[in-house]
Amino acid sequence: MDGELVVALLGAPDTELAGALSRAAASFGRDLRFADTSALTAAAQHELRSGDRSHYAAPLQALRGCRLTLLAASAAPATPIEALLRAALLRDGLPHAVVSEAASALQALRHTLSAPSPDDEAAANPRWQWVCERCGDVDCERHLLPR
């Protein structure tokens, strides 16, 4: 296997969805591990009860280590917890996909697996460097001055 992929699956626990995602990742030669999202759900429940948003920082920071964050939305209108989770992800600027069925979750997973990781992208496209005929320093201010 090429490596482990960490996915955050928020919303109603769906073992069928988790199984389908695991099988799809395996077809790409990847192991899938689901992040523990219970602290984020607890923060949303706390906000629902008290209106206090102070419990989101650590759980949202933990999700930053996930390659993919999925919010499983119910077919009915969003529950209050779903709405609070979505708002927290948006406030924090955390990339995520809202999925209402297995097909959309699998599409998000396939897209993630086919896109290069940030490390792979940096290795494939290193910062371009220019060698000056006078000093070779790419950050030299002479490059900014008109001739």
N, C-alpha and C. Protein backbone atom coordinates (compact mmCIF):
# COMPACT_ATOMS: atom_id res chain seq x y z
N MET A 1 0.84 -1.19 0.00
CA MET A 1 0.00 0.00 0.00
C MET A 1 0.89 1.25 0.00
N ASP A 2 0.41 2.31 -0.67
CA ASP A 2 1.20 3.53 -0.81
C ASP A 2 1.23 4.38 0.44
N GLY A 3 0.39 4.16 1.40
CA GLY A 3 0.39 4.96 2.61
C GLY A 3 -1.00 5.14 3.15
N GLU A 4 -1.02 5.63 4.35
CA GLU A 4 -2.29 5.80 5.04
C GLU A 4 -2.89 7.17 4.72
N LEU A 5 -4.17 7.18 4.51
CA LEU A 5 -4.91 8.40 4.24
C LEU A 5 -5.83 8.64 5.42
N VAL A 6 -5.74 9.81 6.03
CA VAL A 6 -6.56 10.13 7.19
C VAL A 6 -7.76 10.96 6.73
N VAL A 7 -8.94 10.46 7.05
CA VAL A 7 -10.19 11.09 6.65
C VAL A 7 -11.01 11.39 7.90
N ALA A 8 -11.57 12.59 7.95
CA ALA A 8 -12.50 12.95 9.01
C ALA A 8 -13.91 12.82 8.45
N LEU A 9 -14.72 12.00 9.09
CA LEU A 9 -16.11 11.80 8.66
C LEU A 9 -17.00 12.32 9.78
N LEU A 10 -17.63 13.47 9.53
CA LEU A 10 -18.48 14.12 10.52
C LEU A 10 -19.94 13.87 10.21
N GLY A 11 -20.76 14.02 11.20
CA GLY A 11 -22.20 13.85 11.01
C GLY A 11 -22.63 12.50 11.53
N ALA A 12 -23.78 12.07 11.09
CA ALA A 12 -24.31 10.79 11.56
C ALA A 12 -23.36 9.65 11.21
N PRO A 13 -23.01 8.82 12.19
CA PRO A 13 -22.13 7.70 11.88
C PRO A 13 -22.79 6.76 10.89
N ASP A 14 -22.08 6.43 9.86
CA ASP A 14 -22.61 5.60 8.79
C ASP A 14 -21.57 4.53 8.48
N THR A 15 -21.74 3.34 9.02
CA THR A 15 -20.74 2.30 8.82
C THR A 15 -20.70 1.84 7.37
N GLU A 16 -21.83 1.90 6.66
CA GLU A 16 -21.81 1.55 5.24
C GLU A 16 -20.96 2.53 4.45
N LEU A 17 -21.10 3.81 4.76
CA LEU A 17 -20.31 4.83 4.08
C LEU A 17 -18.83 4.66 4.40
N ALA A 18 -18.51 4.43 5.65
CA ALA A 18 -17.11 4.22 6.04
C ALA A 18 -16.53 3.00 5.33
N GLY A 19 -17.29 1.93 5.24
CA GLY A 19 -16.83 0.73 4.54
C GLY A 19 -16.61 0.98 3.06
N ALA A 20 -17.53 1.71 2.44
CA ALA A 20 -17.39 2.02 1.01
C ALA A 20 -16.16 2.88 0.76
N LEU A 21 -15.90 3.84 1.65
CA LEU A 21 -14.72 4.69 1.51
C LEU A 21 -13.44 3.87 1.67
N SER A 22 -13.43 2.95 2.63
CA SER A 22 -12.26 2.10 2.86
C SER A 22 -11.98 1.23 1.65
N ARG A 23 -13.03 0.65 1.07
CA ARG A 23 -12.85 -0.20 -0.11
C ARG A 23 -12.33 0.62 -1.30
N ALA A 24 -12.87 1.82 -1.46
CA ALA A 24 -12.43 2.68 -2.57
C ALA A 24 -10.97 3.08 -2.40
N ALA A 25 -10.56 3.40 -1.18
CA ALA A 25 -9.16 3.76 -0.93
C ALA A 25 -8.25 2.57 -1.22
N ALA A 26 -8.69 1.38 -0.83
CA ALA A 26 -7.89 0.17 -1.09
C ALA A 26 -7.71 -0.06 -2.58
N SER A 27 -8.71 0.29 -3.38
CA SER A 27 -8.57 0.12 -4.83
C SER A 27 -7.52 1.06 -5.41
N PHE A 28 -7.18 2.14 -4.68
CA PHE A 28 -6.11 3.05 -5.06
C PHE A 28 -4.79 2.66 -4.40
N GLY A 29 -4.82 1.54 -3.65
CA GLY A 29 -3.61 1.10 -2.96
C GLY A 29 -3.32 1.89 -1.70
N ARG A 30 -4.35 2.43 -1.07
CA ARG A 30 -4.17 3.24 0.14
C ARG A 30 -4.95 2.65 1.30
N ASP A 31 -4.36 2.72 2.48
CA ASP A 31 -5.07 2.38 3.72
C ASP A 31 -5.80 3.63 4.17
N LEU A 32 -6.97 3.44 4.73
CA LEU A 32 -7.78 4.56 5.18
C LEU A 32 -7.92 4.48 6.69
N ARG A 33 -7.70 5.62 7.36
CA ARG A 33 -7.92 5.70 8.80
C ARG A 33 -8.85 6.87 9.04
N PHE A 34 -9.86 6.63 9.87
CA PHE A 34 -10.81 7.69 10.19
C PHE A 34 -10.36 8.41 11.45
N ALA A 35 -10.31 9.73 11.37
CA ALA A 35 -9.91 10.54 12.52
C ALA A 35 -11.03 10.53 13.55
N ASP A 36 -10.65 10.70 14.79
CA ASP A 36 -11.62 10.79 15.88
C ASP A 36 -12.22 12.20 15.85
N THR A 37 -13.49 12.30 15.54
CA THR A 37 -14.16 13.60 15.44
C THR A 37 -15.10 13.85 16.61
N SER A 38 -15.00 13.02 17.64
CA SER A 38 -15.93 13.14 18.77
C SER A 38 -15.77 14.48 19.51
N ALA A 39 -14.54 15.02 19.58
CA ALA A 39 -14.34 16.29 20.28
C ALA A 39 -15.01 17.44 19.53
N LEU A 40 -14.99 17.39 18.21
CA LEU A 40 -15.65 18.44 17.43
C LEU A 40 -17.17 18.34 17.58
N THR A 41 -17.69 17.13 17.57
CA THR A 41 -19.13 16.95 17.78
C THR A 41 -19.52 17.42 19.17
N ALA A 42 -18.68 17.13 20.17
CA ALA A 42 -18.96 17.59 21.54
C ALA A 42 -18.94 19.11 21.62
N ALA A 43 -18.03 19.75 20.88
CA ALA A 43 -17.98 21.22 20.85
C ALA A 43 -19.27 21.79 20.25
N ALA A 44 -19.77 21.15 19.20
CA ALA A 44 -21.03 21.60 18.59
C ALA A 44 -22.19 21.39 19.56
N GLN A 45 -22.21 20.28 20.27
CA GLN A 45 -23.27 20.03 21.25
C GLN A 45 -23.20 21.05 22.38
N HIS A 46 -21.99 21.40 22.79
CA HIS A 46 -21.81 22.41 23.84
C HIS A 46 -22.34 23.77 23.36
N GLU A 47 -22.01 24.13 22.10
CA GLU A 47 -22.52 25.40 21.56
C GLU A 47 -24.04 25.38 21.48
N LEU A 48 -24.63 24.25 21.11
CA LEU A 48 -26.08 24.15 21.01
C LEU A 48 -26.73 24.39 22.37
N ARG A 49 -26.12 23.83 23.43
CA ARG A 49 -26.68 23.98 24.78
C ARG A 49 -26.45 25.37 25.35
N SER A 50 -25.25 25.94 25.13
CA SER A 50 -24.88 27.16 25.85
C SER A 50 -24.62 28.38 24.97
N GLY A 51 -24.45 28.17 23.66
CA GLY A 51 -24.11 29.28 22.79
C GLY A 51 -22.63 29.63 22.82
N ASP A 52 -21.85 28.87 23.56
CA ASP A 52 -20.42 29.12 23.74
C ASP A 52 -19.63 28.39 22.65
N ARG A 53 -18.82 29.13 21.91
CA ARG A 53 -18.02 28.56 20.82
C ARG A 53 -16.57 28.29 21.22
N SER A 54 -16.24 28.40 22.47
CA SER A 54 -14.84 28.35 22.89
C SER A 54 -14.22 26.96 22.83
N HIS A 55 -14.98 25.92 22.59
CA HIS A 55 -14.45 24.56 22.60
C HIS A 55 -14.03 24.04 21.22
N TYR A 56 -14.10 24.88 20.19
CA TYR A 56 -13.81 24.41 18.83
C TYR A 56 -12.33 24.40 18.46
N ALA A 57 -11.51 25.23 19.06
CA ALA A 57 -10.14 25.44 18.59
C ALA A 57 -9.33 24.15 18.47
N ALA A 58 -9.23 23.38 19.53
CA ALA A 58 -8.40 22.17 19.50
C ALA A 58 -8.93 21.11 18.53
N PRO A 59 -10.24 20.82 18.55
CA PRO A 59 -10.73 19.81 17.59
C PRO A 59 -10.55 20.23 16.13
N LEU A 60 -10.74 21.51 15.83
CA LEU A 60 -10.54 21.96 14.45
C LEU A 60 -9.07 21.90 14.06
N GLN A 61 -8.19 22.21 14.99
CA GLN A 61 -6.76 22.11 14.71
C GLN A 61 -6.38 20.66 14.42
N ALA A 62 -6.97 19.72 15.16
CA ALA A 62 -6.69 18.30 14.93
C ALA A 62 -7.13 17.87 13.54
N LEU A 63 -8.22 18.44 13.03
CA LEU A 63 -8.70 18.08 11.69
C LEU A 63 -7.79 18.58 10.59
N ARG A 64 -6.95 19.55 10.87
CA ARG A 64 -6.03 20.07 9.85
C ARG A 64 -5.07 18.99 9.37
N GLY A 65 -4.86 17.95 10.18
CA GLY A 65 -3.99 16.87 9.77
C GLY A 65 -4.65 15.86 8.86
N CYS A 66 -5.93 16.03 8.60
CA CYS A 66 -6.67 15.10 7.73
C CYS A 66 -6.51 15.53 6.28
N ARG A 67 -6.39 14.55 5.42
CA ARG A 67 -6.29 14.86 3.98
C ARG A 67 -7.67 15.18 3.40
N LEU A 68 -8.72 14.65 4.02
CA LEU A 68 -10.08 14.85 3.52
C LEU A 68 -11.03 14.96 4.71
N THR A 69 -11.88 15.97 4.69
CA THR A 69 -12.91 16.14 5.72
C THR A 69 -14.27 16.10 5.04
N LEU A 70 -15.10 15.16 5.47
CA LEU A 70 -16.44 14.99 4.92
C LEU A 70 -17.47 15.25 6.00
N LEU A 71 -18.49 16.02 5.68
CA LEU A 71 -19.62 16.23 6.58
C LEU A 71 -20.81 15.52 5.97
N ALA A 72 -21.21 14.42 6.61
CA ALA A 72 -22.35 13.64 6.12
C ALA A 72 -23.63 14.36 6.53
N ALA A 73 -24.36 14.84 5.55
CA ALA A 73 -25.60 15.56 5.79
C ALA A 73 -26.77 14.61 5.64
N SER A 74 -27.78 14.80 6.45
CA SER A 74 -28.97 13.97 6.36
C SER A 74 -29.80 14.39 5.16
N ALA A 75 -30.64 13.49 4.70
CA ALA A 75 -31.50 13.78 3.56
C ALA A 75 -32.57 14.82 3.93
N ALA A 76 -32.97 14.80 5.18
CA ALA A 76 -33.94 15.78 5.68
C ALA A 76 -33.22 17.12 5.88
N PRO A 77 -33.96 18.15 6.21
CA PRO A 77 -33.28 19.42 6.52
C PRO A 77 -32.21 19.20 7.60
N ALA A 78 -31.16 20.00 7.51
CA ALA A 78 -30.02 19.82 8.41
C ALA A 78 -30.44 19.87 9.88
N THR A 79 -29.84 18.98 10.65
CA THR A 79 -30.06 19.00 12.09
C THR A 79 -29.28 20.18 12.66
N PRO A 80 -29.62 20.62 13.87
CA PRO A 80 -28.87 21.73 14.46
C PRO A 80 -27.37 21.42 14.60
N ILE A 81 -27.04 20.18 14.94
CA ILE A 81 -25.63 19.81 15.07
C ILE A 81 -24.92 19.88 13.72
N GLU A 82 -25.56 19.38 12.66
CA GLU A 82 -24.96 19.48 11.32
C GLU A 82 -24.71 20.94 10.95
N ALA A 83 -25.68 21.80 11.23
CA ALA A 83 -25.54 23.22 10.90
C ALA A 83 -24.38 23.85 11.68
N LEU A 84 -24.25 23.49 12.96
CA LEU A 84 -23.16 24.03 13.76
C LEU A 84 -21.80 23.50 13.29
N LEU A 85 -21.73 22.22 12.93
CA LEU A 85 -20.48 21.66 12.41
C LEU A 85 -20.08 22.35 11.12
N ARG A 86 -21.04 22.53 10.23
CA ARG A 86 -20.76 23.20 8.95
C ARG A 86 -20.29 24.63 9.20
N ALA A 87 -20.96 25.34 10.11
CA ALA A 87 -20.56 26.72 10.41
C ALA A 87 -19.16 26.77 11.00
N ALA A 88 -18.82 25.82 11.85
CA ALA A 88 -17.48 25.79 12.46
C ALA A 88 -16.41 25.54 11.40
N LEU A 89 -16.67 24.62 10.49
CA LEU A 89 -15.71 24.34 9.41
C LEU A 89 -15.53 25.57 8.52
N LEU A 90 -16.62 26.26 8.22
CA LEU A 90 -16.54 27.45 7.38
C LEU A 90 -15.82 28.60 8.10
N ARG A 91 -16.14 28.82 9.38
CA ARG A 91 -15.48 29.87 10.15
C ARG A 91 -13.98 29.66 10.21
N ASP A 92 -13.58 28.40 10.35
CA ASP A 92 -12.16 28.07 10.47
C ASP A 92 -11.46 28.00 9.12
N GLY A 93 -12.23 28.04 8.04
CA GLY A 93 -11.64 27.96 6.70
C GLY A 93 -11.08 26.58 6.39
N LEU A 94 -11.64 25.57 7.03
CA LEU A 94 -11.16 24.20 6.84
C LEU A 94 -11.82 23.60 5.59
N PRO A 95 -11.04 23.19 4.61
CA PRO A 95 -11.63 22.59 3.41
C PRO A 95 -12.40 21.32 3.76
N HIS A 96 -13.58 21.20 3.21
CA HIS A 96 -14.42 20.03 3.48
C HIS A 96 -15.43 19.87 2.36
N ALA A 97 -16.04 18.70 2.33
CA ALA A 97 -17.11 18.43 1.37
C ALA A 97 -18.34 17.98 2.16
N VAL A 98 -19.47 18.51 1.78
CA VAL A 98 -20.74 18.08 2.38
C VAL A 98 -21.30 17.00 1.47
N VAL A 99 -21.52 15.82 2.04
CA VAL A 99 -21.99 14.68 1.25
C VAL A 99 -23.30 14.18 1.82
N SER A 100 -24.23 13.84 0.93
CA SER A 100 -25.52 13.35 1.39
C SER A 100 -25.74 11.89 1.02
N GLU A 101 -24.82 11.35 0.24
CA GLU A 101 -24.96 9.95 -0.18
C GLU A 101 -23.57 9.38 -0.43
N ALA A 102 -23.49 8.08 -0.51
CA ALA A 102 -22.21 7.41 -0.70
C ALA A 102 -21.53 7.84 -2.00
N ALA A 103 -22.31 8.04 -3.06
CA ALA A 103 -21.72 8.39 -4.35
C ALA A 103 -20.95 9.70 -4.27
N SER A 104 -21.49 10.70 -3.59
CA SER A 104 -20.79 11.98 -3.50
C SER A 104 -19.56 11.88 -2.60
N ALA A 105 -19.62 11.05 -1.56
CA ALA A 105 -18.46 10.83 -0.70
C ALA A 105 -17.35 10.12 -1.47
N LEU A 106 -17.72 9.15 -2.27
CA LEU A 106 -16.73 8.42 -3.07
C LEU A 106 -16.10 9.33 -4.12
N GLN A 107 -16.89 10.22 -4.69
CA GLN A 107 -16.36 11.17 -5.67
C GLN A 107 -15.34 12.09 -4.99
N ALA A 108 -15.63 12.57 -3.80
CA ALA A 108 -14.70 13.43 -3.07
C ALA A 108 -13.41 12.66 -2.74
N LEU A 109 -13.55 11.40 -2.36
CA LEU A 109 -12.39 10.57 -2.05
C LEU A 109 -11.54 10.35 -3.30
N ARG A 110 -12.18 10.02 -4.42
CA ARG A 110 -11.43 9.80 -5.67
C ARG A 110 -10.68 11.06 -6.08
N HIS A 111 -11.32 12.20 -5.93
CA HIS A 111 -10.67 13.47 -6.26
C HIS A 111 -9.44 13.68 -5.37
N THR A 112 -9.58 13.42 -4.09
CA THR A 112 -8.46 13.58 -3.15
C THR A 112 -7.32 12.63 -3.48
N LEU A 113 -7.67 11.40 -3.80
CA LEU A 113 -6.63 10.40 -4.09
C LEU A 113 -5.92 10.68 -5.42
N SER A 114 -6.60 11.31 -6.36
CA SER A 114 -5.96 11.58 -7.65
C SER A 114 -5.17 12.88 -7.63
N ALA A 115 -5.43 13.75 -6.66
CA ALA A 115 -4.69 15.02 -6.56
C ALA A 115 -3.39 14.78 -5.82
N PRO A 116 -2.32 15.45 -6.23
CA PRO A 116 -1.05 15.27 -5.52
C PRO A 116 -1.13 15.88 -4.13
N SER A 117 -0.39 15.31 -3.21
CA SER A 117 -0.31 15.88 -1.87
C SER A 117 0.49 17.17 -1.95
N PRO A 118 0.37 18.06 -0.97
CA PRO A 118 1.17 19.29 -1.01
C PRO A 118 2.68 19.01 -1.08
N ASP A 119 3.15 17.97 -0.41
CA ASP A 119 4.58 17.63 -0.45
C ASP A 119 4.98 17.16 -1.85
N ASP A 120 4.13 16.32 -2.47
CA ASP A 120 4.41 15.86 -3.82
C ASP A 120 4.42 17.02 -4.81
N GLU A 121 3.49 17.94 -4.63
CA GLU A 121 3.39 19.11 -5.51
C GLU A 121 4.65 19.97 -5.39
N ALA A 122 5.14 20.18 -4.18
CA ALA A 122 6.34 20.99 -3.98
C ALA A 122 7.56 20.30 -4.59
N ALA A 123 7.64 18.98 -4.48
CA ALA A 123 8.77 18.25 -5.05
C ALA A 123 8.73 18.28 -6.58
N ALA A 124 7.53 18.20 -7.15
CA ALA A 124 7.39 18.19 -8.60
C ALA A 124 7.58 19.58 -9.21
N ASN A 125 7.29 20.62 -8.44
CA ASN A 125 7.39 21.99 -8.93
C ASN A 125 8.22 22.83 -7.97
N PRO A 126 9.52 22.61 -7.92
CA PRO A 126 10.34 23.39 -6.99
C PRO A 126 10.36 24.86 -7.37
N ARG A 127 10.70 25.69 -6.40
CA ARG A 127 10.76 27.13 -6.63
C ARG A 127 11.81 27.41 -7.71
N TRP A 128 11.43 28.18 -8.70
CA TRP A 128 12.34 28.52 -9.78
C TRP A 128 13.43 29.44 -9.25
N GLN A 129 14.67 29.20 -9.64
CA GLN A 129 15.77 30.03 -9.17
C GLN A 129 16.58 30.53 -10.37
N TRP A 130 16.94 31.76 -10.31
CA TRP A 130 17.71 32.40 -11.34
C TRP A 130 19.12 32.64 -10.81
N VAL A 131 20.11 32.42 -11.65
CA VAL A 131 21.48 32.68 -11.27
C VAL A 131 21.94 33.94 -11.99
N CYS A 132 22.20 34.98 -11.22
CA CYS A 132 22.64 36.26 -11.76
C CYS A 132 24.09 36.13 -12.25
N GLU A 133 24.38 36.78 -13.35
CA GLU A 133 25.75 36.70 -13.87
C GLU A 133 26.74 37.41 -12.96
N ARG A 134 26.26 38.24 -12.04
CA ARG A 134 27.16 38.97 -11.14
C ARG A 134 27.34 38.29 -9.79
N CYS A 135 26.22 37.83 -9.17
CA CYS A 135 26.37 37.32 -7.81
C CYS A 135 25.68 35.98 -7.57
N GLY A 136 24.68 35.64 -8.36
CA GLY A 136 23.98 34.37 -8.17
C GLY A 136 22.94 34.38 -7.07
N ASP A 137 22.76 35.52 -6.40
CA ASP A 137 21.77 35.60 -5.32
C ASP A 137 20.40 35.90 -5.93
N VAL A 138 19.45 34.96 -5.82
CA VAL A 138 18.14 35.14 -6.45
C VAL A 138 17.33 36.25 -5.79
N ASP A 139 17.65 36.57 -4.54
CA ASP A 139 16.92 37.62 -3.84
C ASP A 139 17.63 38.97 -3.93
N CYS A 140 18.63 39.07 -4.77
CA CYS A 140 19.41 40.29 -4.91
C CYS A 140 18.52 41.43 -5.41
N GLU A 141 18.69 42.61 -4.80
CA GLU A 141 17.84 43.73 -5.19
C GLU A 141 18.14 44.26 -6.57
N ARG A 142 19.30 43.91 -7.16
CA ARG A 142 19.60 44.36 -8.52
C ARG A 142 18.58 43.82 -9.53
N HIS A 143 17.95 42.71 -9.20
CA HIS A 143 16.94 42.16 -10.10
C HIS A 143 15.69 43.05 -10.16
N LEU A 144 15.49 43.84 -9.13
CA LEU A 144 14.30 44.69 -9.07
C LEU A 144 14.53 46.07 -9.69
N LEU A 145 15.78 46.46 -9.88
CA LEU A 145 16.10 47.79 -10.38
C LEU A 145 16.12 47.81 -11.90
N PRO A 146 15.63 48.90 -12.50
CA PRO A 146 15.69 48.98 -13.97
C PRO A 146 17.14 49.15 -14.42
N ARG A 147 17.43 48.68 -15.60
CA ARG A 147 18.80 48.81 -16.13
C ARG A 147 18.93 50.03 -16.97
